[in-house]
N, C-alpha and C. Protein backbone atom coordinates (compact mmCIF):
# COMPACT_ATOMS: atom_id res chain seq x y z
N MET A 1 19.80 -6.28 -2.43
CA MET A 1 18.93 -5.19 -2.59
C MET A 1 19.12 -4.21 -3.59
N ALA A 2 18.87 -3.68 -4.35
CA ALA A 2 19.75 -2.53 -5.00
C ALA A 2 19.94 -1.45 -3.68
N ASN A 3 21.10 -0.75 -3.85
CA ASN A 3 21.37 0.88 -3.37
C ASN A 3 20.74 1.50 -3.34
N THR A 4 20.44 1.70 -4.97
CA THR A 4 19.96 3.19 -5.65
C THR A 4 18.93 3.71 -5.80
N TYR A 5 18.10 2.42 -4.81
CA TYR A 5 16.64 3.38 -4.22
C TYR A 5 16.33 2.97 -3.06
N ARG A 6 15.45 4.42 -2.31
CA ARG A 6 15.58 4.54 -1.09
C ARG A 6 14.12 3.68 -0.45
N PRO A 7 14.08 2.62 0.41
CA PRO A 7 13.49 1.95 0.65
C PRO A 7 12.20 3.14 1.01
N ALA A 8 10.96 2.47 0.80
CA ALA A 8 9.97 3.12 0.67
C ALA A 8 8.38 2.24 1.53
N LEU A 9 9.17 0.75 1.53
CA LEU A 9 8.47 -0.29 2.23
C LEU A 9 8.33 -0.16 3.78
N LEU A 10 7.46 -0.02 4.61
CA LEU A 10 7.28 0.09 5.78
C LEU A 10 6.78 -0.65 6.74
N VAL A 11 6.21 -1.80 5.99
CA VAL A 11 4.66 -2.14 6.69
C VAL A 11 4.86 -3.69 6.10
N SER A 12 4.35 -4.44 7.28
CA SER A 12 4.68 -6.26 6.62
C SER A 12 3.70 -6.37 5.80
N ALA A 13 3.73 -7.24 4.90
CA ALA A 13 2.94 -7.92 3.50
C ALA A 13 2.25 -8.82 3.41
N ALA A 14 1.43 -9.18 2.54
CA ALA A 14 0.34 -9.90 2.12
C ALA A 14 0.26 -9.87 0.83
N ALA A 15 -0.87 -10.62 0.23
CA ALA A 15 -1.29 -10.50 -0.71
C ALA A 15 -1.24 -9.29 -2.13
N LEU A 16 -1.38 -9.16 -2.95
CA LEU A 16 -0.94 -8.48 -3.94
C LEU A 16 -2.69 -7.78 -4.97
N LEU A 17 -2.89 -7.02 -5.24
CA LEU A 17 -3.83 -5.87 -5.95
C LEU A 17 -4.95 -5.95 -6.33
N GLY A 18 -5.60 -4.62 -6.49
CA GLY A 18 -6.94 -4.52 -6.90
C GLY A 18 -7.28 -3.74 -8.06
N LEU A 19 -8.36 -3.76 -8.70
CA LEU A 19 -8.42 -3.11 -9.85
C LEU A 19 -8.69 -1.75 -9.66
N LEU A 20 -7.92 -0.77 -10.03
CA LEU A 20 -7.53 0.57 -9.77
C LEU A 20 -8.17 1.83 -10.05
N THR A 21 -7.95 2.40 -9.16
CA THR A 21 -7.79 3.82 -9.82
C THR A 21 -6.66 4.48 -8.62
N ALA A 22 -5.75 5.25 -8.88
CA ALA A 22 -4.37 5.74 -8.44
C ALA A 22 -4.99 6.87 -7.38
N CYS A 23 -4.19 7.47 -6.71
CA CYS A 23 -4.74 8.21 -5.71
C CYS A 23 -3.20 9.24 -5.71
N GLY A 24 -3.38 10.37 -5.92
CA GLY A 24 -2.09 11.50 -5.70
C GLY A 24 -1.82 11.92 -4.35
N ASP A 25 -2.91 11.30 -3.70
CA ASP A 25 -2.63 11.82 -2.31
C ASP A 25 -1.67 10.97 -1.25
N GLY A 26 -0.86 11.41 -0.40
CA GLY A 26 0.16 10.97 0.48
C GLY A 26 -0.40 10.18 1.65
N GLY A 27 -1.65 9.94 1.95
CA GLY A 27 -2.05 9.03 2.81
C GLY A 27 -2.23 7.89 3.03
N ASP A 28 -2.43 6.71 4.21
CA ASP A 28 -2.21 5.62 4.12
C ASP A 28 -4.02 5.08 3.10
N SER A 29 -4.59 5.95 2.90
CA SER A 29 -5.43 5.44 2.26
C SER A 29 -5.49 4.22 1.09
N ALA A 30 -6.37 3.18 0.92
CA ALA A 30 -6.17 2.49 0.22
C ALA A 30 -6.59 2.66 -1.50
N SER A 31 -5.87 2.26 -2.02
CA SER A 31 -6.37 2.60 -3.74
C SER A 31 -7.82 2.13 -3.77
N ALA A 32 -8.81 2.79 -4.48
CA ALA A 32 -10.28 2.37 -4.59
C ALA A 32 -10.54 1.55 -6.31
N PRO A 33 -9.71 0.15 -6.55
CA PRO A 33 -9.75 -0.19 -7.80
C PRO A 33 -11.69 -0.78 -7.75
N ARG A 34 -12.13 -0.46 -8.63
CA ARG A 34 -13.44 -1.28 -8.76
C ARG A 34 -13.70 -2.50 -10.15
N THR A 35 -13.89 -3.47 -9.81
CA THR A 35 -14.09 -4.62 -10.76
C THR A 35 -15.26 -4.06 -11.79
N LEU A 36 -14.59 -3.56 -13.46
CA LEU A 36 -15.30 -3.02 -14.40
C LEU A 36 -14.49 -3.88 -15.53
N PRO A 37 -15.08 -3.95 -16.25
CA PRO A 37 -15.18 -4.69 -17.78
C PRO A 37 -14.19 -4.43 -18.48
N GLY A 38 -13.05 -4.58 -18.32
CA GLY A 38 -11.59 -4.35 -18.83
C GLY A 38 -10.82 -2.76 -18.59
N THR A 39 -11.46 -1.95 -17.59
CA THR A 39 -11.54 -0.52 -17.39
C THR A 39 -11.04 -0.15 -16.65
N ALA A 40 -10.17 0.60 -15.71
CA ALA A 40 -10.09 1.23 -14.39
C ALA A 40 -11.02 2.16 -13.94
N ALA A 41 -11.02 2.60 -12.70
CA ALA A 41 -12.40 3.07 -12.17
C ALA A 41 -11.92 4.26 -12.51
N PRO A 42 -12.13 5.77 -12.28
CA PRO A 42 -12.01 7.11 -12.51
C PRO A 42 -10.54 7.42 -10.88
N ALA A 43 -9.96 8.21 -11.60
CA ALA A 43 -8.71 8.12 -10.46
C ALA A 43 -9.18 9.54 -9.32
N THR A 44 -9.17 9.39 -8.18
CA THR A 44 -9.59 10.62 -7.21
C THR A 44 -8.49 10.56 -6.53
N SER A 45 -8.23 12.19 -5.73
CA SER A 45 -7.26 12.27 -4.62
C SER A 45 -8.00 11.84 -3.16
N ASP A 46 -9.41 11.23 -2.95
CA ASP A 46 -9.24 11.24 -1.68
C ASP A 46 -9.04 9.89 -1.41
N GLY A 47 -10.09 9.02 -2.01
CA GLY A 47 -9.63 7.18 -1.25
C GLY A 47 -10.42 6.76 -0.57
N THR A 48 -10.47 5.63 0.16
CA THR A 48 -10.99 5.69 1.42
C THR A 48 -10.03 4.83 2.83
N THR A 49 -9.89 4.57 3.78
CA THR A 49 -9.36 4.17 4.83
C THR A 49 -8.30 2.85 4.69
N ALA A 50 -7.53 2.46 4.51
CA ALA A 50 -6.98 1.34 4.74
C ALA A 50 -6.79 0.79 6.21
N THR A 51 -7.21 -0.73 6.09
CA THR A 51 -6.83 -1.28 7.01
C THR A 51 -5.90 -2.38 7.11
N LEU A 52 -4.46 -2.18 7.84
CA LEU A 52 -3.47 -2.94 7.82
C LEU A 52 -3.77 -3.94 8.64
N SER A 53 -3.26 -5.34 7.82
CA SER A 53 -3.88 -6.74 8.44
C SER A 53 -2.66 -6.76 9.19
N ALA A 54 -2.52 -8.03 9.94
CA ALA A 54 -1.57 -8.16 10.97
C ALA A 54 -0.69 -8.50 10.38
N GLU A 55 0.86 -8.53 11.12
CA GLU A 55 1.86 -8.81 10.97
C GLU A 55 2.07 -10.34 10.33
N PRO A 56 2.48 -10.81 9.10
CA PRO A 56 2.49 -11.95 8.57
C PRO A 56 4.00 -12.24 9.19
N THR A 57 4.72 -12.31 8.11
CA THR A 57 6.07 -13.52 8.55
C THR A 57 7.46 -12.46 8.78
N GLY A 58 6.98 -10.99 9.56
CA GLY A 58 7.90 -10.26 9.75
C GLY A 58 7.96 -8.44 8.41
N THR A 59 8.68 -7.52 8.76
CA THR A 59 8.81 -6.62 7.70
C THR A 59 9.23 -7.07 6.78
N PRO A 60 8.66 -6.66 5.42
CA PRO A 60 8.84 -6.80 4.31
C PRO A 60 10.42 -6.20 3.51
N SER A 61 10.99 -7.17 2.54
CA SER A 61 12.15 -6.12 2.38
C SER A 61 11.42 -5.26 1.20
N THR A 62 12.23 -3.86 1.08
CA THR A 62 12.27 -3.42 -0.41
C THR A 62 12.30 -3.84 -1.83
N PRO A 63 11.46 -3.38 -2.36
CA PRO A 63 11.84 -4.66 -3.79
C PRO A 63 12.78 -3.74 -4.59
N SER A 64 13.61 -4.48 -4.89
CA SER A 64 14.74 -3.90 -5.97
C SER A 64 14.61 -3.96 -7.19
N PRO A 65 14.57 -2.46 -7.94
CA PRO A 65 13.91 -2.05 -8.66
C PRO A 65 15.08 -2.81 -9.97
N ARG A 66 14.89 -3.62 -10.92
CA ARG A 66 15.54 -3.89 -12.03
C ARG A 66 15.02 -4.14 -13.28
N GLY A 67 15.48 -3.98 -14.46
CA GLY A 67 14.76 -4.97 -15.73
C GLY A 67 13.71 -5.05 -15.63
N GLY A 68 12.67 -4.95 -16.54
CA GLY A 68 11.22 -5.90 -16.34
C GLY A 68 10.84 -5.56 -17.92
N THR A 69 9.21 -6.20 -17.54
CA THR A 69 8.33 -6.63 -18.82
C THR A 69 7.94 -5.22 -19.44
N PRO A 70 8.19 -4.39 -20.95
CA PRO A 70 7.21 -3.36 -20.99
C PRO A 70 6.07 -3.17 -20.89
N GLY A 71 5.17 -2.40 -20.78
CA GLY A 71 3.61 -1.91 -20.89
C GLY A 71 3.35 -1.63 -21.74
N THR A 72 1.66 -1.02 -21.84
CA THR A 72 1.29 0.29 -22.94
C THR A 72 1.04 1.44 -22.30
N SER A 73 0.26 2.48 -22.76
CA SER A 73 0.18 3.42 -22.66
C SER A 73 -1.39 3.89 -23.34
N GLY A 74 -1.41 4.74 -22.07
CA GLY A 74 -3.16 5.48 -22.13
C GLY A 74 -2.96 6.93 -23.04
N THR A 75 -3.64 8.09 -22.19
CA THR A 75 -3.85 9.20 -22.87
C THR A 75 -3.07 10.30 -22.21
N GLY A 76 -2.92 11.60 -22.38
CA GLY A 76 -2.22 12.75 -21.78
C GLY A 76 -2.48 13.93 -21.50
N GLY A 77 -1.59 15.65 -20.73
CA GLY A 77 -2.08 16.89 -20.74
C GLY A 77 -1.53 16.84 -19.40
N GLY A 78 -1.30 18.16 -18.95
CA GLY A 78 -1.07 18.48 -17.79
C GLY A 78 0.23 18.62 -17.21
N THR A 79 0.37 18.90 -15.86
CA THR A 79 1.87 19.27 -15.27
C THR A 79 2.10 17.51 -14.88
N ARG A 80 1.60 16.55 -14.03
CA ARG A 80 1.67 15.50 -13.73
C ARG A 80 1.48 14.87 -15.01
N CYS A 81 2.62 13.62 -14.21
CA CYS A 81 2.88 12.42 -16.08
C CYS A 81 1.27 11.80 -16.37
N HIS A 82 1.10 11.39 -17.38
CA HIS A 82 -0.16 11.09 -17.95
C HIS A 82 0.09 9.53 -18.64
N SER A 83 -0.96 8.94 -18.50
CA SER A 83 -0.51 7.71 -18.57
C SER A 83 -0.03 7.73 -19.96
N SER A 84 -0.46 8.12 -21.25
CA SER A 84 0.66 8.17 -22.57
C SER A 84 1.83 8.97 -22.70
N GLU A 85 2.13 9.41 -21.34
CA GLU A 85 3.65 9.56 -21.09
C GLU A 85 4.50 8.97 -20.85
N LEU A 86 4.07 7.41 -20.51
CA LEU A 86 4.82 6.52 -19.57
C LEU A 86 4.57 5.31 -19.51
N GLU A 87 5.49 4.10 -19.88
CA GLU A 87 5.79 2.96 -19.85
C GLU A 87 6.38 2.29 -18.69
N ALA A 88 5.63 1.13 -18.38
CA ALA A 88 5.14 0.63 -17.07
C ALA A 88 6.50 -0.43 -17.21
N THR A 89 7.03 -0.93 -16.42
CA THR A 89 7.80 -2.27 -16.51
C THR A 89 7.76 -3.04 -15.06
N LEU A 90 8.24 -4.42 -14.76
CA LEU A 90 7.51 -5.10 -13.83
C LEU A 90 9.59 -5.39 -13.14
N GLY A 91 9.94 -4.99 -12.08
CA GLY A 91 10.99 -5.51 -12.18
C GLY A 91 11.12 -7.23 -11.71
N ARG A 92 12.63 -7.84 -11.18
CA ARG A 92 12.56 -8.57 -10.94
C ARG A 92 12.47 -8.74 -9.17
N ASN A 93 11.65 -10.25 -9.28
CA ASN A 93 11.42 -10.47 -7.64
C ASN A 93 12.02 -10.81 -6.96
N ASP A 94 12.44 -9.63 -5.75
CA ASP A 94 13.64 -9.61 -4.74
C ASP A 94 12.87 -10.02 -3.50
N PRO A 95 13.15 -11.11 -2.97
CA PRO A 95 12.11 -12.12 -1.70
C PRO A 95 13.53 -12.19 -0.73
N GLY A 96 12.45 -11.94 0.14
CA GLY A 96 13.11 -12.07 1.51
C GLY A 96 12.11 -12.18 2.59
N ALA A 97 12.33 -13.15 3.81
CA ALA A 97 11.64 -13.06 4.90
C ALA A 97 10.09 -13.76 4.82
N GLY A 98 10.08 -14.69 3.95
CA GLY A 98 8.96 -15.04 3.34
C GLY A 98 8.08 -13.94 2.82
N GLN A 99 9.12 -13.20 1.79
CA GLN A 99 7.74 -12.14 1.26
C GLN A 99 8.29 -12.08 -0.33
N GLU A 100 7.35 -12.14 -1.00
CA GLU A 100 7.67 -11.51 -2.63
C GLU A 100 7.49 -10.37 -2.89
N ASN A 101 8.86 -9.54 -3.33
CA ASN A 101 8.58 -8.07 -3.33
C ASN A 101 9.27 -7.73 -4.71
N PHE A 102 8.05 -6.92 -5.75
CA PHE A 102 8.83 -6.74 -6.85
C PHE A 102 8.51 -4.69 -7.23
N PRO A 103 8.97 -4.36 -7.83
CA PRO A 103 9.13 -3.35 -8.17
C PRO A 103 8.14 -3.22 -9.29
N VAL A 104 7.26 -1.61 -9.20
CA VAL A 104 6.40 -1.60 -10.61
C VAL A 104 7.25 0.03 -10.93
N ILE A 105 8.10 -0.25 -12.52
CA ILE A 105 8.72 1.11 -12.84
C ILE A 105 7.84 2.26 -13.62
N LEU A 106 7.88 3.50 -13.60
CA LEU A 106 7.32 4.04 -14.54
C LEU A 106 8.52 5.07 -15.13
N THR A 107 8.70 4.79 -16.43
CA THR A 107 9.50 5.61 -17.26
C THR A 107 8.46 6.86 -18.12
N ASN A 108 9.69 8.13 -18.10
CA ASN A 108 8.74 8.66 -18.59
C ASN A 108 9.64 8.47 -19.91
N THR A 109 8.56 8.76 -21.26
CA THR A 109 8.74 8.65 -22.33
C THR A 109 8.29 9.58 -23.51
N SER A 110 7.91 10.89 -22.86
CA SER A 110 7.66 11.69 -23.58
C SER A 110 8.71 12.04 -23.67
N SER A 111 8.36 13.49 -24.37
CA SER A 111 9.50 14.87 -24.69
C SER A 111 9.90 15.98 -23.45
N ARG A 112 9.18 15.80 -22.89
CA ARG A 112 8.77 17.03 -21.73
C ARG A 112 9.13 16.40 -20.08
N THR A 113 9.35 17.24 -19.24
CA THR A 113 9.34 16.86 -17.81
C THR A 113 7.89 17.01 -17.24
N CYS A 114 7.65 16.01 -16.20
CA CYS A 114 6.23 15.40 -15.46
C CYS A 114 6.75 15.06 -14.34
N THR A 115 5.71 15.12 -13.77
CA THR A 115 6.00 14.85 -12.40
C THR A 115 4.66 13.37 -11.55
N LEU A 116 5.24 12.50 -10.40
CA LEU A 116 4.43 11.71 -10.17
C LEU A 116 4.30 12.11 -8.76
N HIS A 117 3.04 11.76 -8.23
CA HIS A 117 3.15 11.69 -6.48
C HIS A 117 2.11 11.07 -5.80
N GLY A 118 2.73 10.25 -5.39
CA GLY A 118 1.75 9.71 -4.26
C GLY A 118 1.88 8.08 -5.00
N TYR A 119 0.45 7.51 -4.60
CA TYR A 119 0.29 5.97 -4.74
C TYR A 119 -0.08 5.68 -6.21
N PRO A 120 0.49 4.36 -6.91
CA PRO A 120 -0.42 4.25 -8.12
C PRO A 120 -1.34 3.31 -7.69
N GLY A 121 -2.44 2.99 -8.73
CA GLY A 121 -3.07 2.24 -8.81
C GLY A 121 -3.33 1.02 -9.36
N ALA A 122 -3.61 -0.19 -8.86
CA ALA A 122 -2.70 -1.44 -9.31
C ALA A 122 -3.75 -2.52 -9.06
N ALA A 123 -3.56 -3.49 -10.02
CA ALA A 123 -4.34 -4.78 -10.37
C ALA A 123 -4.02 -5.90 -10.99
N PHE A 124 -4.36 -7.28 -10.25
CA PHE A 124 -4.24 -8.52 -11.12
C PHE A 124 -5.21 -9.14 -11.95
N VAL A 125 -5.13 -8.33 -12.88
CA VAL A 125 -6.33 -9.72 -13.66
C VAL A 125 -5.70 -10.58 -14.62
N ASP A 126 -7.25 -11.27 -14.78
CA ASP A 126 -7.14 -12.94 -16.09
C ASP A 126 -7.32 -12.41 -17.31
N ALA A 127 -7.20 -13.27 -17.88
CA ALA A 127 -7.12 -12.99 -19.79
C ALA A 127 -8.50 -12.33 -19.65
N ALA A 128 -9.41 -12.12 -18.98
CA ALA A 128 -10.38 -11.72 -19.46
C ALA A 128 -10.58 -9.90 -18.96
N GLY A 129 -9.94 -9.55 -18.44
CA GLY A 129 -9.73 -8.56 -17.86
C GLY A 129 -10.55 -8.14 -15.88
N LYS A 130 -11.10 -9.76 -15.55
CA LYS A 130 -11.12 -9.63 -14.36
C LYS A 130 -10.61 -9.03 -13.35
N GLN A 131 -11.14 -8.60 -12.44
CA GLN A 131 -9.64 -8.34 -11.09
C GLN A 131 -9.71 -9.92 -10.46
N LEU A 132 -7.96 -10.18 -9.71
CA LEU A 132 -8.15 -11.61 -9.15
C LEU A 132 -8.01 -10.74 -7.84
N GLY A 133 -8.27 -11.19 -6.49
CA GLY A 133 -8.25 -10.87 -5.61
C GLY A 133 -8.49 -9.18 -5.05
N PRO A 134 -9.05 -9.15 -4.00
CA PRO A 134 -8.87 -7.84 -3.43
C PRO A 134 -7.92 -6.37 -3.85
N ASP A 135 -8.31 -5.26 -3.50
CA ASP A 135 -7.80 -4.32 -3.39
C ASP A 135 -6.65 -4.01 -2.80
N PRO A 136 -5.66 -3.59 -3.14
CA PRO A 136 -4.33 -3.51 -2.33
C PRO A 136 -4.55 -2.60 -1.31
N GLU A 137 -3.32 -2.60 -0.22
CA GLU A 137 -3.27 -1.96 0.93
C GLU A 137 -1.88 -0.79 1.04
N ARG A 138 -2.17 0.09 1.11
CA ARG A 138 -1.03 1.04 1.12
C ARG A 138 -0.02 0.79 2.54
N THR A 139 1.31 0.99 1.96
CA THR A 139 2.25 1.65 3.25
C THR A 139 2.31 2.45 3.31
N PRO A 140 2.10 3.06 5.14
CA PRO A 140 2.16 4.50 5.27
C PRO A 140 3.01 5.07 5.05
N GLY A 141 3.60 6.32 4.72
CA GLY A 141 4.40 7.44 4.69
C GLY A 141 4.14 8.75 3.91
N THR A 142 5.02 9.35 3.89
CA THR A 142 4.86 10.81 3.11
C THR A 142 5.22 11.01 1.74
N ALA A 143 4.38 11.02 1.24
CA ALA A 143 4.45 11.31 -0.58
C ALA A 143 5.40 12.68 -0.83
N THR A 144 6.38 12.30 -1.89
CA THR A 144 7.12 13.52 -2.34
C THR A 144 7.10 13.09 -4.19
N THR A 145 7.19 14.28 -4.06
CA THR A 145 6.64 14.55 -5.90
C THR A 145 8.43 14.25 -6.51
N VAL A 146 8.10 13.35 -7.07
CA VAL A 146 9.56 12.91 -8.15
C VAL A 146 9.20 13.10 -9.93
N LYS A 147 10.15 14.28 -9.78
CA LYS A 147 9.84 14.87 -10.88
C LYS A 147 10.94 13.95 -12.06
N LEU A 148 10.10 13.81 -13.12
CA LEU A 148 10.88 13.15 -14.47
C LEU A 148 11.07 14.04 -16.06
N ALA A 149 12.46 13.81 -15.39
CA ALA A 149 12.54 14.57 -17.27
C ALA A 149 12.21 12.89 -18.26
N PRO A 150 12.39 13.75 -19.66
CA PRO A 150 12.61 12.06 -20.50
C PRO A 150 13.73 11.28 -20.56
N GLY A 151 13.10 10.31 -19.89
CA GLY A 151 13.67 8.50 -19.66
C GLY A 151 13.91 8.43 -18.99
N GLN A 152 13.84 9.71 -17.50
CA GLN A 152 13.80 9.55 -16.08
C GLN A 152 12.83 8.32 -15.51
N ASN A 153 13.01 7.45 -14.33
CA ASN A 153 11.85 6.80 -13.73
C ASN A 153 11.91 6.90 -12.76
N ALA A 154 10.30 6.33 -11.96
CA ALA A 154 10.29 6.43 -10.67
C ALA A 154 9.96 4.78 -10.27
N TRP A 155 10.01 4.80 -8.73
CA TRP A 155 9.23 2.87 -9.05
C TRP A 155 8.39 3.14 -7.71
N SER A 156 7.54 2.13 -7.57
CA SER A 156 6.55 1.95 -6.16
C SER A 156 6.59 -0.03 -6.16
N GLY A 157 6.77 -0.03 -4.62
CA GLY A 157 7.11 -1.39 -4.78
C GLY A 157 5.76 -2.22 -4.45
N ILE A 158 5.54 -3.56 -4.80
CA ILE A 158 4.38 -4.57 -4.31
C ILE A 158 5.00 -5.54 -3.50
N THR A 159 4.12 -5.79 -2.91
CA THR A 159 4.70 -6.73 -1.75
C THR A 159 3.78 -7.94 -1.27
N PHE A 160 3.97 -8.79 -1.17
CA PHE A 160 3.19 -9.90 -0.42
C PHE A 160 3.37 -11.19 -0.11
N ALA A 161 3.00 -11.79 1.01
CA ALA A 161 3.76 -13.19 1.70
C ALA A 161 3.59 -14.19 0.37
N ASN A 162 4.42 -15.04 0.26
CA ASN A 162 5.18 -16.27 -0.07
C ASN A 162 4.00 -17.63 -0.07
N PRO A 163 2.75 -17.65 -1.25
CA PRO A 163 1.29 -18.24 -0.67
C PRO A 163 1.96 -19.75 -0.05
N GLU A 164 3.10 -20.30 -0.43
CA GLU A 164 3.69 -21.58 -0.41
C GLU A 164 3.56 -21.51 0.89
N ILE A 165 4.22 -20.52 1.63
CA ILE A 165 4.61 -20.31 3.44
C ILE A 165 2.94 -20.13 3.90
N SER A 166 2.47 -18.77 3.92
CA SER A 166 1.27 -18.34 4.28
C SER A 166 -0.33 -19.55 4.47
N GLY A 167 0.20 -20.42 2.76
CA GLY A 167 -1.09 -21.17 2.54
C GLY A 167 -2.44 -20.53 2.49
N ALA A 168 -2.03 -19.13 1.93
CA ALA A 168 -3.26 -18.70 0.81
C ALA A 168 -3.50 -19.39 0.26
N ARG A 169 -5.12 -18.64 -0.24
CA ARG A 169 -5.28 -19.10 -1.63
C ARG A 169 -4.98 -18.70 -3.03
N THR A 170 -4.58 -18.90 -4.14
CA THR A 170 -3.95 -18.15 -4.76
C THR A 170 -4.84 -18.25 -6.39
N ALA A 171 -4.53 -17.47 -7.42
CA ALA A 171 -4.89 -17.22 -8.99
C ALA A 171 -3.12 -16.99 -9.72
N ASN A 172 -3.12 -16.98 -10.83
CA ASN A 172 -2.14 -17.24 -11.78
C ASN A 172 -2.74 -15.92 -12.85
N PRO A 173 -2.24 -14.66 -12.67
CA PRO A 173 -2.76 -13.43 -13.37
C PRO A 173 -2.05 -13.47 -14.41
N ASP A 174 -3.20 -12.83 -15.83
CA ASP A 174 -2.79 -13.05 -16.97
C ASP A 174 -1.52 -11.39 -17.23
N ALA A 175 -2.15 -10.72 -16.29
CA ALA A 175 -1.39 -9.20 -16.80
C ALA A 175 -1.60 -8.45 -14.95
N LEU A 176 -0.82 -7.45 -14.96
CA LEU A 176 -0.85 -6.69 -13.77
C LEU A 176 -1.35 -5.41 -14.54
N LEU A 177 -2.21 -4.57 -14.06
CA LEU A 177 -2.46 -3.26 -14.23
C LEU A 177 -2.06 -2.13 -13.62
N VAL A 178 -1.37 -1.06 -13.69
CA VAL A 178 -0.89 -0.83 -13.11
C VAL A 178 -1.25 1.14 -13.70
N THR A 179 -1.75 1.92 -12.67
CA THR A 179 -3.15 3.31 -13.22
C THR A 179 -1.71 4.52 -12.54
N PRO A 180 -0.87 5.27 -13.25
CA PRO A 180 -0.12 6.64 -12.36
C PRO A 180 -1.27 7.50 -11.54
N PRO A 181 -0.80 7.61 -10.43
CA PRO A 181 -1.33 8.73 -9.57
C PRO A 181 -2.18 10.10 -10.49
N ASP A 182 -3.62 9.94 -9.77
CA ASP A 182 -4.40 10.72 -10.56
C ASP A 182 -5.06 10.62 -11.81
N GLU A 183 -4.30 9.58 -12.67
CA GLU A 183 -4.76 9.04 -14.00
C GLU A 183 -6.06 8.43 -13.86
N ARG A 184 -6.30 8.05 -15.25
CA ARG A 184 -7.73 7.02 -15.57
C ARG A 184 -7.54 5.76 -16.15
N ASP A 185 -6.19 5.82 -17.32
CA ASP A 185 -6.06 4.97 -17.92
C ASP A 185 -4.84 4.17 -17.62
N PRO A 186 -5.24 2.50 -17.62
CA PRO A 186 -4.03 1.87 -16.85
C PRO A 186 -3.39 1.77 -17.93
N LEU A 187 -1.86 0.89 -17.04
CA LEU A 187 -0.77 0.64 -18.48
C LEU A 187 -0.78 -1.15 -17.90
N LYS A 188 -1.07 -1.98 -19.00
CA LYS A 188 -0.88 -3.60 -19.13
C LYS A 188 -0.02 -3.47 -19.14
N VAL A 189 0.73 -4.55 -17.83
CA VAL A 189 2.06 -5.16 -18.22
C VAL A 189 1.99 -6.86 -17.83
N ALA A 190 2.48 -7.36 -18.91
CA ALA A 190 2.19 -9.10 -18.79
C ALA A 190 2.51 -9.41 -17.60
N TRP A 191 2.14 -10.30 -16.71
CA TRP A 191 2.72 -11.03 -15.32
C TRP A 191 2.97 -12.40 -15.91
N SER A 192 4.61 -12.86 -15.65
CA SER A 192 4.54 -13.98 -15.68
C SER A 192 5.59 -14.95 -14.53
N ALA A 193 5.38 -14.40 -12.94
CA ALA A 193 6.14 -14.41 -12.18
C ALA A 193 5.21 -15.75 -11.48
N GLY A 194 3.80 -16.52 -11.86
CA GLY A 194 3.18 -17.14 -10.94
C GLY A 194 2.29 -17.06 -10.25
N GLU A 195 1.83 -17.74 -9.63
CA GLU A 195 0.95 -17.59 -8.48
C GLU A 195 0.97 -16.47 -7.74
N VAL A 196 -0.16 -15.54 -7.16
CA VAL A 196 -0.30 -14.99 -6.22
C VAL A 196 -1.69 -15.13 -5.36
N PRO A 197 -1.33 -14.51 -4.09
CA PRO A 197 -2.53 -14.57 -3.00
C PRO A 197 -3.37 -13.91 -3.35
N VAL A 198 -5.07 -14.92 -3.27
CA VAL A 198 -5.77 -13.76 -3.60
C VAL A 198 -6.97 -13.97 -2.12
N SER A 199 -7.06 -14.66 -1.00
CA SER A 199 -7.66 -15.15 -0.19
C SER A 199 -7.26 -15.58 0.73
N GLY A 200 -7.65 -16.08 2.15
CA GLY A 200 -7.21 -16.56 2.94
C GLY A 200 -6.54 -15.87 3.82
N ASN A 201 -5.20 -16.96 4.48
CA ASN A 201 -4.40 -16.52 5.34
C ASN A 201 -3.23 -15.59 4.53
N GLU A 202 -2.95 -14.60 5.32
CA GLU A 202 -1.88 -13.41 4.69
C GLU A 202 -2.04 -13.03 3.35
N SER A 203 -3.33 -12.74 2.76
CA SER A 203 -3.52 -12.84 1.34
C SER A 203 -3.41 -11.51 1.06
N THR A 204 -3.33 -10.53 1.49
CA THR A 204 -3.27 -8.65 0.98
C THR A 204 -1.95 -8.64 0.89
N VAL A 205 -2.11 -7.44 -0.61
CA VAL A 205 -1.29 -6.96 -0.95
C VAL A 205 -0.50 -5.81 -0.49
N PHE A 206 0.43 -5.48 -0.87
CA PHE A 206 0.50 -3.75 -0.03
C PHE A 206 1.69 -3.17 -1.20
N ILE A 207 1.17 -1.90 -1.10
CA ILE A 207 1.51 -1.20 -2.33
C ILE A 207 2.39 0.07 -1.78
N THR A 208 3.59 0.81 -2.16
CA THR A 208 4.20 2.16 -1.70
C THR A 208 4.27 2.86 -2.41
N LEU A 209 4.22 4.55 -1.88
CA LEU A 209 4.68 5.25 -2.41
C LEU A 209 5.90 5.11 -3.34
N PHE A 210 5.23 6.24 -4.81
CA PHE A 210 6.73 6.34 -5.97
C PHE A 210 7.75 6.96 -5.16
N ASP A 211 9.20 6.12 -5.32
CA ASP A 211 9.98 6.83 -5.08
C ASP A 211 11.02 7.39 -6.39
N ARG A 212 11.96 8.02 -6.24
CA ARG A 212 13.04 7.88 -7.63
C ARG A 212 13.40 6.98 -7.75
N GLY A 213 13.68 6.76 -9.12
CA GLY A 213 14.68 5.72 -9.87
C GLY A 213 16.18 6.28 -10.10
N PRO A 214 16.98 5.45 -10.38
CA PRO A 214 18.25 5.61 -10.86
C PRO A 214 18.44 6.77 -11.63
N GLY A 215 17.48 7.18 -12.56
CA GLY A 215 18.04 7.67 -13.54
C GLY A 215 16.86 9.58 -13.10
N ALA A 216 16.35 9.40 -11.92
CA ALA A 216 15.55 10.31 -11.34
C ALA A 216 16.19 11.99 -10.86
């Protein structure tokens, strides 16, 4: 696991993400994604309270941020980073202790300095844009504001129990949608990492607060 990223993942994991609204709030409430036809629901800063599932196979490893698949962008304006100013990439899996751990990296592609604060919204979707699996649950923690100069990045980790070990029912996503905190427009990242749990045993997906990347 890379030493350049501080661990943000403190809770046991299992399953992956729900269709998204991102929330800049630093508490442990869940993202509030909703199944809409190819569109993320509006981002808010309140959210709903998450109930974390029982521990699956032990404390999840912190994903190691490495290079990944470029995403797409949305629209912009304001002090925080807007979707149109960011590029999303998915880092390589860093498995451990029965867990699958992926860093989701957002890079500032604009010409101004902007900030990220809180959790991203995220969802696995099929080729038609339909959400696969329930909403993600947030790992508890205290949000810090990550300031990104042009070219700098931040990351959030997603983790779930290996379905072959847990026996969860699975689906093979076409893409991962990621919405920056307090934004409406998701960034779409092609998913080529295989099946993810969507229901049954230990099928909860967990997501962490944004932390600084090596360039932030």
